[in-house]
Each structure stands twice: as C-alpha cells, then as structure tokens.
Amino acid sequence: MRFANRLQAGDVLAQKLLRYRDDPTVVVLALPRGGVPVAFQVAHALHAPLDVFIVRKLGLPGHEEFAMGAIASGGVMVMNPDLANFHIPEAAIEDVAARERTELDRRERLYRDDRPPLPIEARTVILVDDGLATGSTMLAAATAVRKRQPKSIIVAVPVAATQTCQAFRHVVDDVICAVTPEPFLAVGAWYDDFGQTSDAEVRALLDAARQSADPGAA
C-alpha cells in the first residue's frame, strides 16, 4: 500500500485508532515536522487535542542518513546501540548533539508561541510520526514522555519496518503500524508525495487544531 501524502496516511492511521475516539484522557503528540500532518488527521478523527513533541536525529558525520541516536524535549538523549561499531569520538557526537539542541530549541519557540505544552501526566499519549525506519527518534520521544508519568503511551505510524514495529512492543504500551511492507526500503518509498513539511505548515496545522478544540481561540 502506498499513501498519496501525509494527510491521507493520517486518515488511514486514524481508522486503526478509533477505539480511542472521544476518550477524554487522550492526547495526540506529533513528531515534527513530517509527523504533524499525519497527527492532525488522527487528532481530528479522535476528537483529541494535538501538540508537538520535538525530537532531533543525531546523524553520523558524513553519513547523516544513519542515526547515531536522537535527542528530545526534556534533555533526553538516546544512542543507537550499533554506534560502538563505528568508533565515533565523543567530541564529534557532542558537536552534532549541540547543533541539534539549537534546532530543537528553535522549534520549541517557533511552534509554541509561548504556549505551554499540553499536560500529559496520567493521560493516554499517542505518539505519531510519518513512519518508522530505525526508530531512534521515536524511542527518544517515548523515553522522554515516560518521564512525565502518562497513563499509557501508544506509538502510531502509517508505515514501519516490521522489526522496528515489533521492537517497540517492549518499550510502550501499544504499537499501531498501519502497514509493514517487505522489503521496507525507506519511509519515503511508501508515499507518492513525501516533500518536506515546512515550519509554516506545522504552525498552520497546530493553529487549526487549537481552533477546532476551542472555537473561541484566536
């Protein structure tokens, strides 16, 4: 199965999550930027509030597509266990982490407009991205969210590598991977339109979600 774009993927994913519809404890958290259009459709279908949870991949210097690990809001860093095979100096890892922390902080300011994050303590948190390959960014997000003591954590994505999807069953309370194609190849291989989501699109979708939840909001 291929998705036309992230919004259509969100519609498909939402159908797998309907048991959470109208549950007042549910909060949908999107991993920006690509996860936001997917999560917008999910939150709309479930009648749930939407927020972002910002995570940044730490790319291997010279081979940035390989994730050394990831950082997330709240000062969480998760490293790829395979990194030991590459013998990367600690200073190089810290250089990448420092650069990504700067971008993480920028996005926090840009997307929130000084609004506080939605409370997630004792809530059912649905973490949404546009897909899972290695899963390092989602693992950082789940680890950081767990520290805030939610009632439960559900990882939900339209497409994922089978092995990664299965691995998360030992990390969170539930995992919803709408499709797990073989061979997996890459997340973008399963979208007709996998263009980069812009900051402006993220802000617009978050504003639309807030206005939907509170019609009196500016």
C-alpha atoms as a PDB file:
ATOM      1  CA  MET A   1       0.000   0.000   0.000  1.00  0.00           C
ATOM      2  CA  ARG A   2       1.215   3.495  -0.878  1.00  0.00           C
ATOM      3  CA  PHE A   3      -0.056   6.758   0.568  1.00  0.00           C
ATOM      4  CA  ALA A   4      -0.805   9.788  -1.584  1.00  0.00           C
ATOM      5  CA  ASN A   5       0.608  12.115   1.082  1.00  0.00           C
ATOM      6  CA  ARG A   6       0.863  12.512   4.848  1.00  0.00           C
ATOM      7  CA  LEU A   7      -2.713  13.732   5.263  1.00  0.00           C
ATOM      8  CA  GLN A   8      -4.084  10.643   3.545  1.00  0.00           C
ATOM      9  CA  ALA A   9      -1.746   8.483   5.614  1.00  0.00           C
ATOM     10  CA  GLY A  10      -3.187  10.130   8.716  1.00  0.00           C
ATOM     11  CA  ASP A  11      -6.709   9.212   7.619  1.00  0.00           C
ATOM     12  CA  VAL A  12      -5.678   5.575   7.212  1.00  0.00           C
ATOM     13  CA  LEU A  13      -3.877   5.538  10.558  1.00  0.00           C
ATOM     14  CA  ALA A  14      -6.835   7.135  12.330  1.00  0.00           C
ATOM     15  CA  GLN A  15      -9.042   4.184  11.330  1.00  0.00           C
ATOM     16  CA  LYS A  16      -6.705   1.917  13.300  1.00  0.00           C
ATOM     17  CA  LEU A  17      -7.107   4.102  16.393  1.00  0.00           C
ATOM     18  CA  LEU A  18     -10.868   4.574  16.593  1.00  0.00           C
ATOM     19  CA  ARG A  19     -11.069   2.764  19.932  1.00  0.00           C
ATOM     20  CA  TYR A  20      -9.507   5.913  21.406  1.00  0.00           C
ATOM     21  CA  ARG A  21     -12.146   8.229  19.927  1.00  0.00           C
ATOM     22  CA  ASP A  22     -13.852  10.593  22.388  1.00  0.00           C
ATOM     23  CA  ASP A  23     -11.619   9.373  25.218  1.00  0.00           C
ATOM     24  CA  PRO A  24     -11.056  12.480  27.380  1.00  0.00           C
ATOM     25  CA  THR A  25      -7.694  11.166  28.589  1.00  0.00           C
ATOM     26  CA  VAL A  26      -6.183  11.008  25.078  1.00  0.00           C
ATOM     27  CA  VAL A  27      -3.550  13.478  23.855  1.00  0.00           C
ATOM     28  CA  VAL A  28      -2.005  13.208  20.378  1.00  0.00           C
ATOM     29  CA  LEU A  29       1.652  14.253  20.179  1.00  0.00           C
ATOM     30  CA  ALA A  30       3.225  14.729  16.743  1.00  0.00           C
ATOM     31  CA  LEU A  31       6.926  14.420  15.964  1.00  0.00           C
ATOM     32  CA  PRO A  32       7.717  17.454  13.771  1.00  0.00           C
ATOM     33  CA  ARG A  33       7.870  18.123  11.081  1.00  0.00           C
ATOM     34  CA  GLY A  34       6.623  15.207   8.994  1.00  0.00           C
ATOM     35  CA  GLY A  35       4.531  13.713  11.777  1.00  0.00           C
ATOM     36  CA  VAL A  36       2.365  16.813  12.166  1.00  0.00           C
ATOM     37  CA  PRO A  37       0.105  16.393   9.082  1.00  0.00           C
ATOM     38  CA  VAL A  38      -0.394  12.723   9.986  1.00  0.00           C
ATOM     39  CA  ALA A  39      -1.182  13.536  13.611  1.00  0.00           C
ATOM     40  CA  PHE A  40      -3.513  16.376  12.622  1.00  0.00           C
ATOM     41  CA  GLN A  41      -5.778  13.899  10.844  1.00  0.00           C
ATOM     42  CA  VAL A  42      -5.560  11.458  13.744  1.00  0.00           C
ATOM     43  CA  ALA A  43      -6.416  14.086  16.358  1.00  0.00           C
ATOM     44  CA  HIS A  44      -9.330  15.350  14.247  1.00  0.00           C
ATOM     45  CA  ALA A  45     -10.761  11.839  13.838  1.00  0.00           C
ATOM     46  CA  LEU A  46     -10.374  11.006  17.541  1.00  0.00           C
ATOM     47  CA  HIS A  47     -11.660  14.392  18.768  1.00  0.00           C
ATOM     48  CA  ALA A  48      -8.436  14.707  20.755  1.00  0.00           C
ATOM     49  CA  PRO A  49      -6.107  17.649  21.433  1.00  0.00           C
ATOM     50  CA  LEU A  50      -2.930  17.916  19.352  1.00  0.00           C
ATOM     51  CA  ASP A  51       0.522  19.075  20.373  1.00  0.00           C
ATOM     52  CA  VAL A  52       4.086  18.590  19.153  1.00  0.00           C
ATOM     53  CA  PHE A  53       6.847  16.652  20.849  1.00  0.00           C
ATOM     54  CA  ILE A  54      10.144  17.743  19.372  1.00  0.00           C
ATOM     55  CA  VAL A  55      12.862  15.202  18.635  1.00  0.00           C
ATOM     56  CA  ARG A  56      16.054  15.608  16.607  1.00  0.00           C
ATOM     57  CA  LYS A  57      18.027  12.808  14.973  1.00  0.00           C
ATOM     58  CA  LEU A  58      21.781  12.775  15.547  1.00  0.00           C
ATOM     59  CA  GLY A  59      23.196  11.954  12.114  1.00  0.00           C
ATOM     60  CA  LEU A  60      26.538  10.225  11.712  1.00  0.00           C
ATOM     61  CA  PRO A  61      29.052  12.826  10.435  1.00  0.00           C
ATOM     62  CA  GLY A  62      29.492  12.331   6.708  1.00  0.00           C
ATOM     63  CA  HIS A  63      26.587   9.849   6.596  1.00  0.00           C
ATOM     64  CA  GLU A  64      23.762  11.873   8.123  1.00  0.00           C
ATOM     65  CA  GLU A  65      21.084   9.424   6.998  1.00  0.00           C
ATOM     66  CA  PHE A  66      22.403   6.977   9.636  1.00  0.00           C
ATOM     67  CA  ALA A  67      21.042   7.825  13.078  1.00  0.00           C
ATOM     68  CA  MET A  68      23.659   7.722  15.835  1.00  0.00           C
ATOM     69  CA  GLY A  69      20.806   8.457  18.187  1.00  0.00           C
ATOM     70  CA  ALA A  70      18.374  11.255  18.961  1.00  0.00           C
ATOM     71  CA  ILE A  71      17.567  13.969  21.476  1.00  0.00           C
ATOM     72  CA  ALA A  72      14.130  15.004  22.684  1.00  0.00           C
ATOM     73  CA  SER A  73      12.467  17.751  24.675  1.00  0.00           C
ATOM     74  CA  GLY A  74      13.322  17.418  28.326  1.00  0.00           C
ATOM     75  CA  GLY A  75      17.037  16.808  27.829  1.00  0.00           C
ATOM     76  CA  VAL A  76      16.700  13.143  26.822  1.00  0.00           C
ATOM     77  CA  MET A  77      19.381  11.565  24.610  1.00  0.00           C
ATOM     78  CA  VAL A  78      19.055   8.025  23.222  1.00  0.00           C
ATOM     79  CA  MET A  79      22.003   6.449  21.389  1.00  0.00           C
ATOM     80  CA  ASN A  80      21.927   3.733  18.727  1.00  0.00           C
ATOM     81  CA  PRO A  81      23.431   0.533  20.252  1.00  0.00           C
ATOM     82  CA  ASP A  82      25.200  -0.153  16.925  1.00  0.00           C
ATOM     83  CA  LEU A  83      27.203   3.069  17.290  1.00  0.00           C
ATOM     84  CA  ALA A  84      30.045   1.252  19.074  1.00  0.00           C
ATOM     85  CA  ASN A  85      30.931  -0.385  15.755  1.00  0.00           C
ATOM     86  CA  PHE A  86      31.777   2.994  14.230  1.00  0.00           C
ATOM     87  CA  HIS A  87      34.242   4.238  16.883  1.00  0.00           C
ATOM     88  CA  ILE A  88      32.987   7.833  16.717  1.00  0.00           C
ATOM     89  CA  PRO A  89      34.854  10.216  19.076  1.00  0.00           C
ATOM     90  CA  GLU A  90      32.777  11.616  21.939  1.00  0.00           C
ATOM     91  CA  ALA A  91      33.657  15.158  20.835  1.00  0.00           C
ATOM     92  CA  ALA A  92      32.154  14.535  17.396  1.00  0.00           C
ATOM     93  CA  ILE A  93      28.950  13.175  18.936  1.00  0.00           C
ATOM     94  CA  GLU A  94      28.696  16.184  21.231  1.00  0.00           C
ATOM     95  CA  ASP A  95      29.217  18.585  18.296  1.00  0.00           C
ATOM     96  CA  VAL A  96      26.272  17.031  16.469  1.00  0.00           C
ATOM     97  CA  ALA A  97      24.158  16.988  19.658  1.00  0.00           C
ATOM     98  CA  ALA A  98      24.893  20.668  20.351  1.00  0.00           C
ATOM     99  CA  ARG A  99      23.841  21.659  16.837  1.00  0.00           C
ATOM    100  CA  GLU A 100      20.634  19.650  17.092  1.00  0.00           C
ATOM    101  CA  ARG A 101      19.836  21.090  20.538  1.00  0.00           C
ATOM    102  CA  THR A 102      19.954  24.558  18.962  1.00  0.00           C
ATOM    103  CA  GLU A 103      17.446  23.471  16.313  1.00  0.00           C
ATOM    104  CA  LEU A 104      15.273  21.739  18.921  1.00  0.00           C
ATOM    105  CA  ASP A 105      15.127  24.937  20.985  1.00  0.00           C
ATOM    106  CA  ARG A 106      14.316  26.991  17.869  1.00  0.00           C
ATOM    107  CA  ARG A 107      11.384  24.763  17.030  1.00  0.00           C
ATOM    108  CA  GLU A 108      10.081  24.828  20.597  1.00  0.00           C
ATOM    109  CA  ARG A 109       9.922  28.632  20.407  1.00  0.00           C
ATOM    110  CA  LEU A 110       8.542  28.772  16.869  1.00  0.00           C
ATOM    111  CA  TYR A 111       5.795  26.171  17.184  1.00  0.00           C
ATOM    112  CA  ARG A 112       4.543  27.054  20.653  1.00  0.00           C
ATOM    113  CA  ASP A 113       4.394  30.875  20.559  1.00  0.00           C
ATOM    114  CA  ASP A 114       4.958  30.848  24.331  1.00  0.00           C
ATOM    115  CA  ARG A 115       2.066  28.421  24.878  1.00  0.00           C
ATOM    116  CA  PRO A 116       2.905  25.723  27.427  1.00  0.00           C
ATOM    117  CA  PRO A 117       2.919  22.075  26.331  1.00  0.00           C
ATOM    118  CA  LEU A 118      -0.296  20.150  26.840  1.00  0.00           C
ATOM    119  CA  PRO A 119      -0.280  18.280  30.160  1.00  0.00           C
ATOM    120  CA  ILE A 120       0.316  14.567  29.703  1.00  0.00           C
ATOM    121  CA  GLU A 121       0.549  13.315  33.282  1.00  0.00           C
ATOM    122  CA  ALA A 122      -1.952  10.466  33.796  1.00  0.00           C
ATOM    123  CA  ARG A 123      -3.060  10.834  30.152  1.00  0.00           C
ATOM    124  CA  THR A 124      -3.112   8.375  27.264  1.00  0.00           C
ATOM    125  CA  VAL A 125      -0.436   9.693  24.915  1.00  0.00           C
ATOM    126  CA  ILE A 126      -0.486   8.751  21.220  1.00  0.00           C
ATOM    127  CA  LEU A 127       2.905   9.498  19.657  1.00  0.00           C
ATOM    128  CA  VAL A 128       2.622   9.948  15.890  1.00  0.00           C
ATOM    129  CA  ASP A 129       5.199  10.183  13.113  1.00  0.00           C
ATOM    130  CA  ASP A 130       5.018   9.642   9.347  1.00  0.00           C
ATOM    131  CA  GLY A 131       6.883   6.337   9.639  1.00  0.00           C
ATOM    132  CA  LEU A 132       9.499   4.300  11.474  1.00  0.00           C
ATOM    133  CA  ALA A 133      12.801   3.148   9.990  1.00  0.00           C
ATOM    134  CA  THR A 134      15.393   2.672  12.760  1.00  0.00           C
ATOM    135  CA  GLY A 135      13.001   4.142  15.313  1.00  0.00           C
ATOM    136  CA  SER A 136      15.688   6.173  17.135  1.00  0.00           C
ATOM    137  CA  THR A 137      13.748   9.433  17.116  1.00  0.00           C
ATOM    138  CA  MET A 138      10.558   7.741  18.299  1.00  0.00           C
ATOM    139  CA  LEU A 139      12.495   5.915  21.018  1.00  0.00           C
ATOM    140  CA  ALA A 140      13.840   9.250  22.288  1.00  0.00           C
ATOM    141  CA  ALA A 141      10.318  10.657  22.299  1.00  0.00           C
ATOM    142  CA  ALA A 142       8.853   7.667  24.145  1.00  0.00           C
ATOM    143  CA  THR A 143      11.658   7.764  26.707  1.00  0.00           C
ATOM    144  CA  ALA A 144      11.130  11.462  27.361  1.00  0.00           C
ATOM    145  CA  VAL A 145       7.338  11.145  27.548  1.00  0.00           C
ATOM    146  CA  ARG A 146       7.626   8.260  30.007  1.00  0.00           C
ATOM    147  CA  LYS A 147       9.453  10.557  32.440  1.00  0.00           C
ATOM    148  CA  ARG A 148       6.321  12.707  32.629  1.00  0.00           C
ATOM    149  CA  GLN A 149       4.270   9.814  34.003  1.00  0.00           C
ATOM    150  CA  PRO A 150       1.499   9.364  31.450  1.00  0.00           C
ATOM    151  CA  LYS A 151      -1.179   6.743  31.963  1.00  0.00           C
ATOM    152  CA  SER A 152      -0.028   4.932  28.808  1.00  0.00           C
ATOM    153  CA  ILE A 153       1.968   5.501  25.623  1.00  0.00           C
ATOM    154  CA  ILE A 154       0.854   4.389  22.165  1.00  0.00           C
ATOM    155  CA  VAL A 155       3.210   4.664  19.191  1.00  0.00           C
ATOM    156  CA  ALA A 156       1.235   5.095  15.959  1.00  0.00           C
ATOM    157  CA  VAL A 157       2.612   5.387  12.415  1.00  0.00           C
ATOM    158  CA  PRO A 158       1.264   4.747   8.911  1.00  0.00           C
ATOM    159  CA  VAL A 159       4.268   2.675   7.803  1.00  0.00           C
ATOM    160  CA  ALA A 160       7.178   0.969   9.533  1.00  0.00           C
ATOM    161  CA  ALA A 161       9.871  -1.636   9.198  1.00  0.00           C
ATOM    162  CA  THR A 162       8.494  -4.850  10.701  1.00  0.00           C
ATOM    163  CA  GLN A 163      11.438  -5.360  13.049  1.00  0.00           C
ATOM    164  CA  THR A 164      11.232  -1.795  14.364  1.00  0.00           C
ATOM    165  CA  CYS A 165       7.499  -2.034  14.907  1.00  0.00           C
ATOM    166  CA  GLN A 166       7.922  -5.265  16.859  1.00  0.00           C
ATOM    167  CA  ALA A 167      10.761  -3.826  18.943  1.00  0.00           C
ATOM    168  CA  PHE A 168       8.543  -1.034  20.234  1.00  0.00           C
ATOM    169  CA  ARG A 169       6.137  -3.541  21.753  1.00  0.00           C
ATOM    170  CA  HIS A 170       8.714  -3.957  24.526  1.00  0.00           C
ATOM    171  CA  VAL A 171       9.037  -0.180  25.042  1.00  0.00           C
ATOM    172  CA  VAL A 172       5.500   1.266  25.072  1.00  0.00           C
ATOM    173  CA  ASP A 173       2.003   0.099  25.955  1.00  0.00           C
ATOM    174  CA  ASP A 174       0.731  -0.338  22.406  1.00  0.00           C
ATOM    175  CA  VAL A 175       2.068  -0.008  18.851  1.00  0.00           C
ATOM    176  CA  ILE A 176      -0.029   0.688  15.771  1.00  0.00           C
ATOM    177  CA  CYS A 177       1.808   0.335  12.450  1.00  0.00           C
ATOM    178  CA  ALA A 178      -0.824   0.588   9.715  1.00  0.00           C
ATOM    179  CA  VAL A 179       1.367  -1.190   7.147  1.00  0.00           C
ATOM    180  CA  THR A 180       4.679  -3.050   7.461  1.00  0.00           C
ATOM    181  CA  PRO A 181       5.815  -3.709   3.872  1.00  0.00           C
ATOM    182  CA  GLU A 182       8.568  -6.152   2.934  1.00  0.00           C
ATOM    183  CA  PRO A 183      11.103  -5.172   1.816  1.00  0.00           C
ATOM    184  CA  PHE A 184      10.757  -1.913   3.723  1.00  0.00           C
ATOM    185  CA  LEU A 185      13.363   0.213   1.863  1.00  0.00           C
ATOM    186  CA  ALA A 186      12.598   3.606   3.464  1.00  0.00           C
ATOM    187  CA  VAL A 187       9.652   5.587   4.845  1.00  0.00           C
ATOM    188  CA  GLY A 188       9.508   7.859   1.809  1.00  0.00           C
ATOM    189  CA  ALA A 189       9.229   4.898  -0.563  1.00  0.00           C
ATOM    190  CA  TRP A 190       5.622   4.429   0.567  1.00  0.00           C
ATOM    191  CA  TYR A 191       4.429   7.976  -0.193  1.00  0.00           C
ATOM    192  CA  ASP A 192       3.682   9.467  -3.610  1.00  0.00           C
ATOM    193  CA  ASP A 193       4.326  12.909  -2.107  1.00  0.00           C
ATOM    194  CA  PHE A 194       6.984  12.887   0.610  1.00  0.00           C
ATOM    195  CA  GLY A 195       8.066  16.502   0.261  1.00  0.00           C
ATOM    196  CA  GLN A 196       9.432  18.226   3.337  1.00  0.00           C
ATOM    197  CA  THR A 197       6.835  19.692   5.691  1.00  0.00           C
ATOM    198  CA  SER A 198       7.607  23.368   6.304  1.00  0.00           C
ATOM    199  CA  ASP A 199       7.604  25.280   9.578  1.00  0.00           C
ATOM    200  CA  ALA A 200       4.711  27.334   8.217  1.00  0.00           C
ATOM    201  CA  GLU A 201       2.651  24.190   7.589  1.00  0.00           C
ATOM    202  CA  VAL A 202       3.367  22.955  11.115  1.00  0.00           C
ATOM    203  CA  ARG A 203       2.232  26.255  12.637  1.00  0.00           C
ATOM    204  CA  ALA A 204      -0.881  26.354  10.447  1.00  0.00           C
ATOM    205  CA  LEU A 205      -1.928  22.810  11.382  1.00  0.00           C
ATOM    206  CA  LEU A 206      -1.319  23.406  15.090  1.00  0.00           C
ATOM    207  CA  ASP A 207      -3.337  26.630  14.944  1.00  0.00           C
ATOM    208  CA  ALA A 208      -6.153  24.830  13.110  1.00  0.00           C
ATOM    209  CA  ALA A 209      -6.183  22.062  15.708  1.00  0.00           C
ATOM    210  CA  ARG A 210      -6.313  24.557  18.579  1.00  0.00           C
ATOM    211  CA  GLN A 211      -9.160  26.470  16.955  1.00  0.00           C
ATOM    212  CA  SER A 212     -11.045  23.236  16.365  1.00  0.00           C
ATOM    213  CA  ALA A 213     -10.666  22.359  20.053  1.00  0.00           C
ATOM    214  CA  ASP A 214     -11.564  25.905  21.139  1.00  0.00           C
ATOM    215  CA  PRO A 215     -13.620  27.802  18.509  1.00  0.00           C
ATOM    216  CA  GLY A 216     -13.180  30.984  20.544  1.00  0.00           C
ATOM    217  CA  ALA A 217      -9.394  30.859  20.264  1.00  0.00           C
ATOM    218  CA  ALA A 218      -7.620  33.470  18.180  1.00  0.00           C
END
